[in-house]
Amino acid sequence: MRKIKVATKASEVKETQAMIELLKAMQPELAFEVVEVSATLGDCQRENLTENAYVVREIERRLIACEIDFAVHRLIDLPVDLPEGLVLAAHPKRSNPLDVVVYPASSERRISEGGLRLGLSASRQKIQLEQNFPPFEEVAVLANLEEGRAKLASGELDGLVLAPADWQALSERESLLDEPLCPSACVPAVAQGILGLVCRMDDESVFGLLRQVSDLETEQMALAERKFLALAQENSAFAVGALAQKFDDDWYFLAFLAKDRAAHGRSIQLTGKNPLILAVQAYDALSKCSVREIADEIFWS
């Protein structure tokens, strides 16, 4: 029996192994091989791409060339539009989407007190935290997780603001404390906490296999949030966040948008029955309404 080859970014092997275990639980006779894909500095410079963009494109190339059977991505890293012939086959159940502030375990200071030296991982975080918390000293938007961990350990930083996947990836977490950020204070990145399983559109057997681990509610979240992102990207928005959640029979769509580097961010929360419609309504409202502080959130029902 041939092995099913599964490609993933080197830093996402843990998530990929978890997906393989889910698939094996459903079809124990299957065999899998994990193919780690990485990029060198030379690769990125030659193609004028970020490391993530290079890895995603290389995985897509291997899929189209039938060198691998499917890929596991953090959906936050995946472009809205896939190359022709590829399809997002499945979205397993979403994990925690909330950004976290990470402190040394010995620290008693918290972001709510102000004055902290913070390392951030996105402009989206910077804009929202400046508007929703007491003043802090932004030391840097971090180039990578290792840089942030080193600066925290040396005392150069009082805290790190991280995506949940980066928090989980940190070593020696027993020496750290984490404080999740309320989504109304810091709207998460689009599709944060969601995985996307990509395969060839014409590979019916692999497509059918992947569908077995897909979660319908998570699929709806992904579609709605990525619709909001697509609309924002069409108009070159500077910073974007979105979170779709379902409670009982109602959907809640929380969105954040900053049109450019100088703009004040704005947020909105809408409630309804169709998250995709809410995403479009949220973008229309945020792109057309007058500039206001994010603290003056608009709530529609």
C-alpha atoms as a PDB file:
ATOM      1  CA  MET A   1       0.000   0.000   0.000  1.00  0.00           C
ATOM      2  CA  ARG A   2       1.370   3.406  -0.963  1.00  0.00           C
ATOM      3  CA  LYS A   3       1.931   6.028   1.703  1.00  0.00           C
ATOM      4  CA  ILE A   4      -0.148   9.183   1.583  1.00  0.00           C
ATOM      5  CA  LYS A   5       2.327  12.058   1.500  1.00  0.00           C
ATOM      6  CA  VAL A   6       1.366  15.033   3.667  1.00  0.00           C
ATOM      7  CA  ALA A   7       3.237  18.323   3.285  1.00  0.00           C
ATOM      8  CA  THR A   8       3.495  20.954   5.984  1.00  0.00           C
ATOM      9  CA  LYS A   9       5.633  23.824   7.156  1.00  0.00           C
ATOM     10  CA  ALA A  10       8.380  22.601   9.485  1.00  0.00           C
ATOM     11  CA  SER A  11       6.925  24.600  12.395  1.00  0.00           C
ATOM     12  CA  GLU A  12       3.491  22.996  11.937  1.00  0.00           C
ATOM     13  CA  VAL A  13       4.455  19.328  12.207  1.00  0.00           C
ATOM     14  CA  LYS A  14       2.674  18.958  15.558  1.00  0.00           C
ATOM     15  CA  GLU A  15      -0.676  20.033  14.073  1.00  0.00           C
ATOM     16  CA  THR A  16      -0.076  17.802  11.058  1.00  0.00           C
ATOM     17  CA  GLN A  17       0.597  14.753  13.218  1.00  0.00           C
ATOM     18  CA  ALA A  18      -2.646  15.437  15.092  1.00  0.00           C
ATOM     19  CA  MET A  19      -4.553  15.458  11.781  1.00  0.00           C
ATOM     20  CA  ILE A  20      -2.926  12.194  10.748  1.00  0.00           C
ATOM     21  CA  GLU A  21      -3.985  10.582  14.028  1.00  0.00           C
ATOM     22  CA  LEU A  22      -7.577  11.676  13.385  1.00  0.00           C
ATOM     23  CA  LEU A  23      -7.483  10.139   9.917  1.00  0.00           C
ATOM     24  CA  LYS A  24      -5.899   6.919  11.206  1.00  0.00           C
ATOM     25  CA  ALA A  25      -8.632   6.619  13.820  1.00  0.00           C
ATOM     26  CA  MET A  26     -11.161   6.535  10.994  1.00  0.00           C
ATOM     27  CA  GLN A  27      -9.153   4.377   8.598  1.00  0.00           C
ATOM     28  CA  PRO A  28      -6.435   2.481  10.533  1.00  0.00           C
ATOM     29  CA  GLU A  29      -5.187   0.711   7.408  1.00  0.00           C
ATOM     30  CA  LEU A  30      -3.827   3.943   5.905  1.00  0.00           C
ATOM     31  CA  ALA A  31      -0.140   4.850   6.009  1.00  0.00           C
ATOM     32  CA  PHE A  32       1.168   8.422   5.958  1.00  0.00           C
ATOM     33  CA  GLU A  33       4.473  10.167   5.361  1.00  0.00           C
ATOM     34  CA  VAL A  34       5.052  13.733   6.587  1.00  0.00           C
ATOM     35  CA  VAL A  35       7.003  15.933   4.178  1.00  0.00           C
ATOM     36  CA  GLU A  36       8.428  19.000   5.920  1.00  0.00           C
ATOM     37  CA  VAL A  37       8.887  22.025   3.672  1.00  0.00           C
ATOM     38  CA  SER A  38      11.150  24.908   4.673  1.00  0.00           C
ATOM     39  CA  ALA A  39      12.883  27.874   3.079  1.00  0.00           C
ATOM     40  CA  THR A  40      16.406  29.235   3.289  1.00  0.00           C
ATOM     41  CA  LEU A  41      17.254  32.926   3.351  1.00  0.00           C
ATOM     42  CA  GLY A  42      18.600  32.508  -0.176  1.00  0.00           C
ATOM     43  CA  ASP A  43      15.309  31.005  -1.362  1.00  0.00           C
ATOM     44  CA  CYS A  44      13.362  33.977  -0.017  1.00  0.00           C
ATOM     45  CA  GLN A  45      15.761  36.587  -1.368  1.00  0.00           C
ATOM     46  CA  ARG A  46      15.884  34.980  -4.796  1.00  0.00           C
ATOM     47  CA  GLU A  47      12.093  34.942  -5.118  1.00  0.00           C
ATOM     48  CA  ASN A  48      11.558  38.185  -3.156  1.00  0.00           C
ATOM     49  CA  LEU A  49       9.118  36.412  -0.825  1.00  0.00           C
ATOM     50  CA  THR A  50       8.690  36.057   2.917  1.00  0.00           C
ATOM     51  CA  GLU A  51       9.547  32.664   4.395  1.00  0.00           C
ATOM     52  CA  ASN A  52       5.888  31.794   4.815  1.00  0.00           C
ATOM     53  CA  ALA A  53       4.947  32.878   1.280  1.00  0.00           C
ATOM     54  CA  TYR A  54       7.807  30.840  -0.181  1.00  0.00           C
ATOM     55  CA  VAL A  55       6.838  27.700   1.757  1.00  0.00           C
ATOM     56  CA  VAL A  56       3.159  28.007   0.802  1.00  0.00           C
ATOM     57  CA  ARG A  57       4.046  28.434  -2.865  1.00  0.00           C
ATOM     58  CA  GLU A  58       6.465  25.502  -2.793  1.00  0.00           C
ATOM     59  CA  ILE A  59       3.817  23.265  -1.212  1.00  0.00           C
ATOM     60  CA  GLU A  60       1.339  24.337  -3.887  1.00  0.00           C
ATOM     61  CA  ARG A  61       3.880  23.508  -6.587  1.00  0.00           C
ATOM     62  CA  ARG A  62       4.440  20.030  -5.167  1.00  0.00           C
ATOM     63  CA  LEU A  63       0.705  19.398  -4.911  1.00  0.00           C
ATOM     64  CA  ILE A  64       0.085  20.401  -8.518  1.00  0.00           C
ATOM     65  CA  ALA A  65       3.045  18.239  -9.615  1.00  0.00           C
ATOM     66  CA  CYS A  66       1.572  15.239  -7.709  1.00  0.00           C
ATOM     67  CA  GLU A  67       4.688  14.987  -5.533  1.00  0.00           C
ATOM     68  CA  ILE A  68       2.493  15.082  -2.413  1.00  0.00           C
ATOM     69  CA  ASP A  69      -1.146  14.158  -1.747  1.00  0.00           C
ATOM     70  CA  PHE A  70      -2.368  16.898   0.563  1.00  0.00           C
ATOM     71  CA  ALA A  71      -1.093  19.723   2.750  1.00  0.00           C
ATOM     72  CA  VAL A  72      -1.842  20.989   6.239  1.00  0.00           C
ATOM     73  CA  HIS A  73      -1.718  24.765   6.693  1.00  0.00           C
ATOM     74  CA  ARG A  74      -2.569  27.193   9.421  1.00  0.00           C
ATOM     75  CA  LEU A  75      -5.321  28.998   7.564  1.00  0.00           C
ATOM     76  CA  ILE A  76      -4.038  32.335   8.810  1.00  0.00           C
ATOM     77  CA  ASP A  77      -1.033  31.811   6.499  1.00  0.00           C
ATOM     78  CA  LEU A  78      -2.940  30.727   3.402  1.00  0.00           C
ATOM     79  CA  PRO A  79      -3.854  33.212   0.625  1.00  0.00           C
ATOM     80  CA  VAL A  80      -7.559  33.736  -0.010  1.00  0.00           C
ATOM     81  CA  ASP A  81      -7.219  32.502  -3.600  1.00  0.00           C
ATOM     82  CA  LEU A  82      -5.696  29.081  -4.303  1.00  0.00           C
ATOM     83  CA  PRO A  83      -4.051  28.123  -7.609  1.00  0.00           C
ATOM     84  CA  GLU A  84      -6.284  26.493 -10.189  1.00  0.00           C
ATOM     85  CA  GLY A  85      -6.705  22.787  -9.519  1.00  0.00           C
ATOM     86  CA  LEU A  86      -6.332  22.993  -5.728  1.00  0.00           C
ATOM     87  CA  VAL A  87      -9.138  23.041  -3.174  1.00  0.00           C
ATOM     88  CA  LEU A  88      -9.546  23.631   0.548  1.00  0.00           C
ATOM     89  CA  ALA A  89     -10.998  20.224   1.315  1.00  0.00           C
ATOM     90  CA  ALA A  90     -11.470  20.420   5.071  1.00  0.00           C
ATOM     91  CA  HIS A  91     -11.279  22.515   8.232  1.00  0.00           C
ATOM     92  CA  PRO A  92     -10.947  20.473  11.452  1.00  0.00           C
ATOM     93  CA  LYS A  93     -12.555  21.875  14.612  1.00  0.00           C
ATOM     94  CA  ARG A  94     -11.151  25.273  15.513  1.00  0.00           C
ATOM     95  CA  SER A  95      -8.762  25.651  18.429  1.00  0.00           C
ATOM     96  CA  ASN A  96      -8.522  28.726  20.662  1.00  0.00           C
ATOM     97  CA  PRO A  97      -8.375  31.830  18.404  1.00  0.00           C
ATOM     98  CA  LEU A  98      -7.534  34.488  21.014  1.00  0.00           C
ATOM     99  CA  ASP A  99      -4.263  36.420  21.175  1.00  0.00           C
ATOM    100  CA  VAL A 100      -2.409  36.099  24.475  1.00  0.00           C
ATOM    101  CA  VAL A 101      -0.046  38.284  26.481  1.00  0.00           C
ATOM    102  CA  VAL A 102       2.875  36.233  27.805  1.00  0.00           C
ATOM    103  CA  TYR A 103       4.796  37.297  30.926  1.00  0.00           C
ATOM    104  CA  PRO A 104       7.664  35.803  32.947  1.00  0.00           C
ATOM    105  CA  ALA A 105       6.196  33.676  35.742  1.00  0.00           C
ATOM    106  CA  SER A 106       7.864  35.919  38.331  1.00  0.00           C
ATOM    107  CA  SER A 107       6.234  39.096  36.985  1.00  0.00           C
ATOM    108  CA  GLU A 108       3.305  40.726  38.789  1.00  0.00           C
ATOM    109  CA  ARG A 109       2.778  43.418  36.139  1.00  0.00           C
ATOM    110  CA  ARG A 110      -0.096  43.149  33.666  1.00  0.00           C
ATOM    111  CA  ILE A 111      -1.062  44.937  30.474  1.00  0.00           C
ATOM    112  CA  SER A 112      -4.087  46.516  32.167  1.00  0.00           C
ATOM    113  CA  GLU A 113      -1.742  48.512  34.432  1.00  0.00           C
ATOM    114  CA  GLY A 114       0.097  50.222  31.564  1.00  0.00           C
ATOM    115  CA  GLY A 115       3.773  51.090  31.173  1.00  0.00           C
ATOM    116  CA  LEU A 116       4.906  47.648  29.997  1.00  0.00           C
ATOM    117  CA  ARG A 117       7.576  47.108  27.367  1.00  0.00           C
ATOM    118  CA  LEU A 118       5.807  44.846  24.897  1.00  0.00           C
ATOM    119  CA  GLY A 119       6.922  42.839  21.916  1.00  0.00           C
ATOM    120  CA  LEU A 120       4.164  42.482  19.328  1.00  0.00           C
ATOM    121  CA  SER A 121       3.721  40.120  16.396  1.00  0.00           C
ATOM    122  CA  ALA A 122       1.344  42.226  14.245  1.00  0.00           C
ATOM    123  CA  SER A 123       0.317  45.817  13.498  1.00  0.00           C
ATOM    124  CA  ARG A 124      -3.265  44.658  14.090  1.00  0.00           C
ATOM    125  CA  GLN A 125      -2.363  44.083  17.724  1.00  0.00           C
ATOM    126  CA  LYS A 126      -0.517  47.396  18.100  1.00  0.00           C
ATOM    127  CA  ILE A 127      -3.422  49.532  16.884  1.00  0.00           C
ATOM    128  CA  GLN A 128      -6.018  47.792  19.040  1.00  0.00           C
ATOM    129  CA  LEU A 129      -3.936  47.630  22.217  1.00  0.00           C
ATOM    130  CA  GLU A 130      -3.083  51.326  21.964  1.00  0.00           C
ATOM    131  CA  GLN A 131      -6.787  52.110  21.782  1.00  0.00           C
ATOM    132  CA  ASN A 132      -8.028  49.731  24.482  1.00  0.00           C
ATOM    133  CA  PHE A 133      -5.335  49.655  27.175  1.00  0.00           C
ATOM    134  CA  PRO A 134      -3.283  52.160  29.190  1.00  0.00           C
ATOM    135  CA  PRO A 135      -0.145  53.420  27.392  1.00  0.00           C
ATOM    136  CA  PHE A 136       2.640  50.892  26.946  1.00  0.00           C
ATOM    137  CA  GLU A 137       6.099  51.044  25.441  1.00  0.00           C
ATOM    138  CA  GLU A 138       6.203  49.171  22.162  1.00  0.00           C
ATOM    139  CA  VAL A 139       9.736  47.862  21.823  1.00  0.00           C
ATOM    140  CA  ALA A 140       9.264  46.174  18.453  1.00  0.00           C
ATOM    141  CA  VAL A 141       7.058  44.223  16.121  1.00  0.00           C
ATOM    142  CA  LEU A 142       8.953  40.959  16.455  1.00  0.00           C
ATOM    143  CA  ALA A 143      10.660  39.401  13.467  1.00  0.00           C
ATOM    144  CA  ASN A 144      10.197  35.892  14.870  1.00  0.00           C
ATOM    145  CA  LEU A 145       9.225  33.942  17.960  1.00  0.00           C
ATOM    146  CA  GLU A 146      12.817  33.173  18.969  1.00  0.00           C
ATOM    147  CA  GLU A 147      13.671  36.883  19.071  1.00  0.00           C
ATOM    148  CA  GLY A 148      10.727  37.572  21.349  1.00  0.00           C
ATOM    149  CA  ARG A 149      11.523  34.713  23.721  1.00  0.00           C
ATOM    150  CA  ALA A 150      15.147  35.846  24.018  1.00  0.00           C
ATOM    151  CA  LYS A 151      14.172  39.463  24.766  1.00  0.00           C
ATOM    152  CA  LEU A 152      11.658  38.322  27.378  1.00  0.00           C
ATOM    153  CA  ALA A 153      14.242  36.093  29.056  1.00  0.00           C
ATOM    154  CA  SER A 154      16.860  38.870  29.118  1.00  0.00           C
ATOM    155  CA  GLY A 155      14.460  41.380  30.676  1.00  0.00           C
ATOM    156  CA  GLU A 156      14.441  43.633  27.617  1.00  0.00           C
ATOM    157  CA  LEU A 157      10.683  43.016  27.368  1.00  0.00           C
ATOM    158  CA  ASP A 158       8.005  42.758  30.055  1.00  0.00           C
ATOM    159  CA  GLY A 159       5.616  40.810  27.843  1.00  0.00           C
ATOM    160  CA  LEU A 160       4.927  39.329  24.426  1.00  0.00           C
ATOM    161  CA  VAL A 161       1.638  39.523  22.540  1.00  0.00           C
ATOM    162  CA  LEU A 162       1.315  36.304  20.558  1.00  0.00           C
ATOM    163  CA  ALA A 163      -1.076  34.268  18.484  1.00  0.00           C
ATOM    164  CA  PRO A 164      -2.181  31.140  20.387  1.00  0.00           C
ATOM    165  CA  ALA A 165      -0.243  28.813  18.068  1.00  0.00           C
ATOM    166  CA  ASP A 166       2.969  30.732  18.808  1.00  0.00           C
ATOM    167  CA  TRP A 167       2.287  30.537  22.540  1.00  0.00           C
ATOM    168  CA  GLN A 168       1.847  26.776  22.256  1.00  0.00           C
ATOM    169  CA  ALA A 169       5.104  26.552  20.289  1.00  0.00           C
ATOM    170  CA  LEU A 170       7.196  28.293  22.958  1.00  0.00           C
ATOM    171  CA  SER A 171       9.628  26.131  24.874  1.00  0.00           C
ATOM    172  CA  GLU A 172       9.847  26.221  28.676  1.00  0.00           C
ATOM    173  CA  ARG A 173       6.264  27.431  29.045  1.00  0.00           C
ATOM    174  CA  GLU A 174       6.314  26.417  32.711  1.00  0.00           C
ATOM    175  CA  SER A 175       8.427  29.542  33.353  1.00  0.00           C
ATOM    176  CA  LEU A 176       5.812  31.792  31.724  1.00  0.00           C
ATOM    177  CA  LEU A 177       2.289  33.068  32.383  1.00  0.00           C
ATOM    178  CA  ASP A 178      -0.315  33.710  29.699  1.00  0.00           C
ATOM    179  CA  GLU A 179      -3.271  36.121  29.730  1.00  0.00           C
ATOM    180  CA  PRO A 180      -5.819  35.700  26.898  1.00  0.00           C
ATOM    181  CA  LEU A 181      -7.040  38.968  25.389  1.00  0.00           C
ATOM    182  CA  CYS A 182     -10.785  39.530  25.189  1.00  0.00           C
ATOM    183  CA  PRO A 183     -11.740  39.590  21.477  1.00  0.00           C
ATOM    184  CA  SER A 184     -13.580  42.902  21.869  1.00  0.00           C
ATOM    185  CA  ALA A 185     -10.284  44.446  23.043  1.00  0.00           C
ATOM    186  CA  CYS A 186      -8.118  42.735  20.424  1.00  0.00           C
ATOM    187  CA  VAL A 187      -9.970  41.163  17.507  1.00  0.00           C
ATOM    188  CA  PRO A 188      -7.941  38.107  16.405  1.00  0.00           C
ATOM    189  CA  ALA A 189      -6.374  37.645  12.999  1.00  0.00           C
ATOM    190  CA  VAL A 190      -8.627  36.177  10.330  1.00  0.00           C
ATOM    191  CA  ALA A 191      -8.997  32.386  10.712  1.00  0.00           C
ATOM    192  CA  GLN A 192      -6.652  32.262  13.700  1.00  0.00           C
ATOM    193  CA  GLY A 193      -6.866  28.799  15.255  1.00  0.00           C
ATOM    194  CA  ILE A 194      -8.192  27.147  12.075  1.00  0.00           C
ATOM    195  CA  LEU A 195      -6.326  24.608   9.955  1.00  0.00           C
ATOM    196  CA  GLY A 196      -6.862  24.222   6.229  1.00  0.00           C
ATOM    197  CA  LEU A 197      -6.332  20.871   4.496  1.00  0.00           C
ATOM    198  CA  VAL A 198      -5.584  21.366   0.797  1.00  0.00           C
ATOM    199  CA  CYS A 199      -5.564  18.730  -1.942  1.00  0.00           C
ATOM    200  CA  ARG A 200      -5.961  18.467  -5.709  1.00  0.00           C
ATOM    201  CA  MET A 201      -9.484  19.085  -6.905  1.00  0.00           C
ATOM    202  CA  ASP A 202      -9.467  15.976  -9.097  1.00  0.00           C
ATOM    203  CA  ASP A 203      -8.184  13.636  -6.352  1.00  0.00           C
ATOM    204  CA  GLU A 204     -11.552  12.284  -5.234  1.00  0.00           C
ATOM    205  CA  SER A 205     -10.149   9.662  -2.864  1.00  0.00           C
ATOM    206  CA  VAL A 206      -8.019  12.110  -0.863  1.00  0.00           C
ATOM    207  CA  PHE A 207     -10.755  14.747  -0.943  1.00  0.00           C
ATOM    208  CA  GLY A 208     -13.247  12.240   0.470  1.00  0.00           C
ATOM    209  CA  LEU A 209     -10.766  11.174   3.132  1.00  0.00           C
ATOM    210  CA  LEU A 210     -10.166  14.744   4.312  1.00  0.00           C
ATOM    211  CA  ARG A 211     -13.861  15.555   4.427  1.00  0.00           C
ATOM    212  CA  GLN A 212     -14.183  13.030   7.255  1.00  0.00           C
ATOM    213  CA  VAL A 213     -12.283  15.310   9.668  1.00  0.00           C
ATOM    214  CA  SER A 214     -13.951  18.570   8.649  1.00  0.00           C
ATOM    215  CA  ASP A 215     -16.126  20.476  11.135  1.00  0.00           C
ATOM    216  CA  LEU A 216     -19.124  22.260   9.590  1.00  0.00           C
ATOM    217  CA  GLU A 217     -19.236  25.117  12.091  1.00  0.00           C
ATOM    218  CA  THR A 218     -15.518  25.771  11.655  1.00  0.00           C
ATOM    219  CA  GLU A 219     -15.960  25.755   7.873  1.00  0.00           C
ATOM    220  CA  GLN A 220     -18.598  28.459   8.208  1.00  0.00           C
ATOM    221  CA  MET A 221     -16.294  30.511  10.422  1.00  0.00           C
ATOM    222  CA  ALA A 222     -13.465  30.207   7.911  1.00  0.00           C
ATOM    223  CA  LEU A 223     -15.617  31.154   4.931  1.00  0.00           C
ATOM    224  CA  ALA A 224     -17.037  34.228   6.652  1.00  0.00           C
ATOM    225  CA  GLU A 225     -13.758  35.519   8.060  1.00  0.00           C
ATOM    226  CA  ARG A 226     -11.875  34.972   4.801  1.00  0.00           C
ATOM    227  CA  LYS A 227     -14.666  36.752   2.914  1.00  0.00           C
ATOM    228  CA  PHE A 228     -14.100  39.785   5.136  1.00  0.00           C
ATOM    229  CA  LEU A 229     -10.352  39.497   4.498  1.00  0.00           C
ATOM    230  CA  ALA A 230     -10.846  39.261   0.728  1.00  0.00           C
ATOM    231  CA  LEU A 231     -12.933  42.434   0.706  1.00  0.00           C
ATOM    232  CA  ALA A 232     -10.341  44.247   2.817  1.00  0.00           C
ATOM    233  CA  GLN A 233      -7.461  43.098   0.606  1.00  0.00           C
ATOM    234  CA  GLU A 234      -9.254  44.279  -2.519  1.00  0.00           C
ATOM    235  CA  ASN A 235      -9.083  47.770  -1.045  1.00  0.00           C
ATOM    236  CA  SER A 236      -5.545  47.462   0.381  1.00  0.00           C
ATOM    237  CA  ALA A 237      -6.502  47.668   4.062  1.00  0.00           C
ATOM    238  CA  PHE A 238      -3.526  48.002   6.415  1.00  0.00           C
ATOM    239  CA  ALA A 239      -4.702  45.869   9.355  1.00  0.00           C
ATOM    240  CA  VAL A 240      -7.573  43.388   9.549  1.00  0.00           C
ATOM    241  CA  GLY A 241      -9.113  41.107  12.164  1.00  0.00           C
ATOM    242  CA  ALA A 242     -12.269  39.011  12.296  1.00  0.00           C
ATOM    243  CA  LEU A 243     -13.926  36.421  14.512  1.00  0.00           C
ATOM    244  CA  ALA A 244     -17.121  34.515  13.714  1.00  0.00           C
ATOM    245  CA  GLN A 245     -18.747  32.630  16.595  1.00  0.00           C
ATOM    246  CA  LYS A 246     -21.989  30.708  16.952  1.00  0.00           C
ATOM    247  CA  PHE A 247     -24.042  30.681  20.144  1.00  0.00           C
ATOM    248  CA  ASP A 248     -27.200  28.585  20.051  1.00  0.00           C
ATOM    249  CA  ASP A 249     -28.838  29.466  16.708  1.00  0.00           C
ATOM    250  CA  ASP A 250     -27.242  32.897  16.266  1.00  0.00           C
ATOM    251  CA  TRP A 251     -23.965  33.951  14.689  1.00  0.00           C
ATOM    252  CA  TYR A 252     -21.861  36.815  16.040  1.00  0.00           C
ATOM    253  CA  PHE A 253     -19.351  38.449  13.716  1.00  0.00           C
ATOM    254  CA  LEU A 254     -16.718  40.707  15.265  1.00  0.00           C
ATOM    255  CA  ALA A 255     -14.506  42.605  12.824  1.00  0.00           C
ATOM    256  CA  PHE A 256     -11.663  45.134  12.946  1.00  0.00           C
ATOM    257  CA  LEU A 257     -10.348  47.305  10.115  1.00  0.00           C
ATOM    258  CA  ALA A 258      -7.654  49.965   9.778  1.00  0.00           C
ATOM    259  CA  LYS A 259      -7.589  51.371   6.251  1.00  0.00           C
ATOM    260  CA  ASP A 260      -3.991  52.604   6.352  1.00  0.00           C
ATOM    261  CA  ARG A 261      -1.027  53.088   8.681  1.00  0.00           C
ATOM    262  CA  ALA A 262      -2.287  56.471   9.902  1.00  0.00           C
ATOM    263  CA  ALA A 263      -5.914  55.466  10.364  1.00  0.00           C
ATOM    264  CA  HIS A 264      -7.688  54.847  13.644  1.00  0.00           C
ATOM    265  CA  GLY A 265      -8.920  51.279  13.738  1.00  0.00           C
ATOM    266  CA  ARG A 266     -12.629  50.629  13.953  1.00  0.00           C
ATOM    267  CA  SER A 267     -14.569  47.579  15.027  1.00  0.00           C
ATOM    268  CA  ILE A 268     -18.098  46.312  14.726  1.00  0.00           C
ATOM    269  CA  GLN A 269     -20.097  43.354  15.992  1.00  0.00           C
ATOM    270  CA  LEU A 270     -23.088  42.068  14.066  1.00  0.00           C
ATOM    271  CA  THR A 271     -25.583  39.360  14.955  1.00  0.00           C
ATOM    272  CA  GLY A 272     -27.611  37.237  12.548  1.00  0.00           C
ATOM    273  CA  LYS A 273     -28.304  33.823  11.071  1.00  0.00           C
ATOM    274  CA  ASN A 274     -25.789  33.803   8.184  1.00  0.00           C
ATOM    275  CA  PRO A 275     -22.102  34.507   8.975  1.00  0.00           C
ATOM    276  CA  LEU A 276     -21.186  35.127   5.335  1.00  0.00           C
ATOM    277  CA  ILE A 277     -23.800  37.876   5.050  1.00  0.00           C
ATOM    278  CA  LEU A 278     -22.570  39.338   8.344  1.00  0.00           C
ATOM    279  CA  ALA A 279     -19.011  39.463   6.980  1.00  0.00           C
ATOM    280  CA  VAL A 280     -20.104  41.509   3.962  1.00  0.00           C
ATOM    281  CA  GLN A 281     -22.242  43.803   6.118  1.00  0.00           C
ATOM    282  CA  ALA A 282     -19.369  44.315   8.555  1.00  0.00           C
ATOM    283  CA  TYR A 283     -16.958  45.294   5.797  1.00  0.00           C
ATOM    284  CA  ASP A 284     -19.475  47.658   4.199  1.00  0.00           C
ATOM    285  CA  ALA A 285     -20.077  49.385   7.538  1.00  0.00           C
ATOM    286  CA  LEU A 286     -16.406  49.694   8.506  1.00  0.00           C
ATOM    287  CA  SER A 287     -15.263  50.897   5.095  1.00  0.00           C
ATOM    288  CA  LYS A 288     -17.961  53.552   4.758  1.00  0.00           C
ATOM    289  CA  CYS A 289     -18.580  54.892   8.258  1.00  0.00           C
ATOM    290  CA  SER A 290     -16.768  57.936   9.602  1.00  0.00           C
ATOM    291  CA  VAL A 291     -13.527  57.419  11.484  1.00  0.00           C
ATOM    292  CA  ARG A 292     -13.989  56.742  15.186  1.00  0.00           C
ATOM    293  CA  GLU A 293     -12.044  55.199  17.999  1.00  0.00           C
ATOM    294  CA  ILE A 294     -12.373  51.461  18.397  1.00  0.00           C
ATOM    295  CA  ALA A 295     -13.622  52.121  21.932  1.00  0.00           C
ATOM    296  CA  ASP A 296     -16.781  53.544  20.320  1.00  0.00           C
ATOM    297  CA  GLU A 297     -17.688  50.158  18.905  1.00  0.00           C
ATOM    298  CA  ILE A 298     -20.836  49.798  16.838  1.00  0.00           C
ATOM    299  CA  PHE A 299     -23.152  46.973  17.829  1.00  0.00           C
ATOM    300  CA  TRP A 300     -25.942  46.031  15.448  1.00  0.00           C
ATOM    301  CA  SER A 301     -28.483  43.265  15.795  1.00  0.00           C
END
